[in-house]
Amino acid sequence: MANTCGGAHLYEHSFELPAWLPRHQIRRIERSGLAVILAQMRIDGVEPDWSTFRLHVEWPRRTGKTVLINTIVKALKGGCE
């Protein structure tokens, strides 16, 4: 998870998974990325700005061997310290 500054903190969590995993298992892992972000936001004392929520899943093409999952949410308040 990376916090960067640009007015509000950006919370990001990424996974790279083998493409042979069943889709239902990949979907479950997708949701766990958001859980990790929300737990960190709670620790940091900030609330999520749901209008900035992004979940990107990149499925492999024919030759690809991995599924990339990226979850991003900005905080409503907070700055760089």
Protein backbone atom coordinates (compact mmCIF):
# COMPACT_ATOMS: atom_id res chain seq x y z
CA MET A 1 0.00 0.00 0.00
CA ALA A 2 1.36 3.39 -0.93
CA ASN A 3 0.39 6.79 0.45
CA THR A 4 1.25 9.71 -1.79
CA CYS A 5 0.43 13.36 -1.53
CA GLY A 6 -1.59 15.60 -3.77
CA GLY A 7 -3.91 17.35 -1.34
CA ALA A 8 -5.35 14.11 0.06
CA HIS A 9 -3.76 10.78 0.79
CA LEU A 10 -4.07 8.15 -1.91
CA TYR A 11 -4.39 4.58 -0.68
CA GLU A 12 -3.49 1.83 -3.12
CA HIS A 13 -3.25 -1.94 -2.88
CA SER A 14 -2.12 -4.26 -5.69
CA PHE A 15 -2.06 -8.00 -6.24
CA GLU A 16 -0.48 -10.09 -8.96
CA LEU A 17 -2.03 -13.56 -9.12
CA PRO A 18 -1.49 -16.63 -11.29
CA ALA A 19 -4.04 -16.77 -14.10
CA TRP A 20 -4.81 -20.44 -13.43
CA LEU A 21 -6.69 -19.55 -10.22
CA PRO A 22 -10.48 -20.01 -10.51
CA ARG A 23 -12.37 -16.75 -11.14
CA HIS A 24 -14.40 -17.05 -7.92
CA GLN A 25 -11.14 -17.13 -5.94
CA ILE A 26 -9.79 -14.09 -7.80
CA ARG A 27 -13.04 -12.19 -7.06
CA ARG A 28 -12.65 -12.96 -3.36
CA ILE A 29 -9.07 -11.67 -3.40
CA GLU A 30 -10.24 -8.48 -5.18
CA ARG A 31 -12.43 -7.65 -2.20
CA SER A 32 -9.62 -8.27 0.27
CA GLY A 33 -7.61 -5.40 -1.26
CA LEU A 34 -10.35 -2.96 -0.28
CA ALA A 35 -10.47 -4.46 3.22
CA VAL A 36 -6.74 -3.83 3.63
CA ILE A 37 -7.12 -0.21 2.49
CA LEU A 38 -10.08 0.46 4.80
CA ALA A 39 -8.22 -1.02 7.78
CA GLN A 40 -5.24 1.27 7.11
CA MET A 41 -7.54 4.29 6.73
CA ARG A 42 -9.12 3.47 10.10
CA ILE A 43 -5.65 3.33 11.69
CA ASP A 44 -4.75 6.68 10.07
CA GLY A 45 -8.03 8.22 11.28
CA VAL A 46 -9.33 9.19 7.83
CA GLU A 47 -12.52 8.45 5.92
CA PRO A 48 -12.66 7.17 2.32
CA ASP A 49 -13.84 9.42 -0.49
CA TRP A 50 -16.00 6.85 -2.28
CA SER A 51 -16.21 9.01 -5.39
CA THR A 52 -12.51 8.22 -5.98
CA PHE A 53 -12.83 4.44 -5.50
CA ARG A 54 -11.29 2.50 -8.41
CA LEU A 55 -10.90 -1.24 -8.83
CA HIS A 56 -9.00 -2.30 -11.92
CA VAL A 57 -8.60 -5.95 -12.90
CA GLU A 58 -6.37 -6.75 -15.84
CA TRP A 59 -7.02 -10.26 -17.11
CA PRO A 60 -4.22 -11.90 -19.09
CA ARG A 61 -4.31 -12.10 -22.84
CA ARG A 62 -3.63 -15.44 -24.50
CA THR A 63 0.06 -15.40 -23.61
CA GLY A 64 -0.30 -13.80 -20.16
CA LYS A 65 0.24 -15.77 -17.00
CA THR A 66 -0.91 -13.31 -14.33
CA VAL A 67 -3.98 -11.37 -13.28
CA LEU A 68 -3.25 -7.87 -11.98
CA ILE A 69 -5.62 -6.32 -9.42
CA ASN A 70 -5.25 -2.69 -8.35
CA THR A 71 -7.51 -0.95 -5.81
CA ILE A 72 -7.34 2.83 -5.19
CA VAL A 73 -9.24 5.12 -2.78
CA LYS A 74 -8.44 8.70 -1.68
CA ALA A 75 -9.05 9.98 1.82
CA LEU A 76 -11.64 12.72 2.41
CA LYS A 77 -9.36 14.61 4.76
CA GLY A 78 -5.73 14.58 5.70
CA GLY A 79 -2.58 15.91 4.20
CA CYS A 80 1.07 15.15 3.91
CA GLU A 81 3.07 15.08 7.08
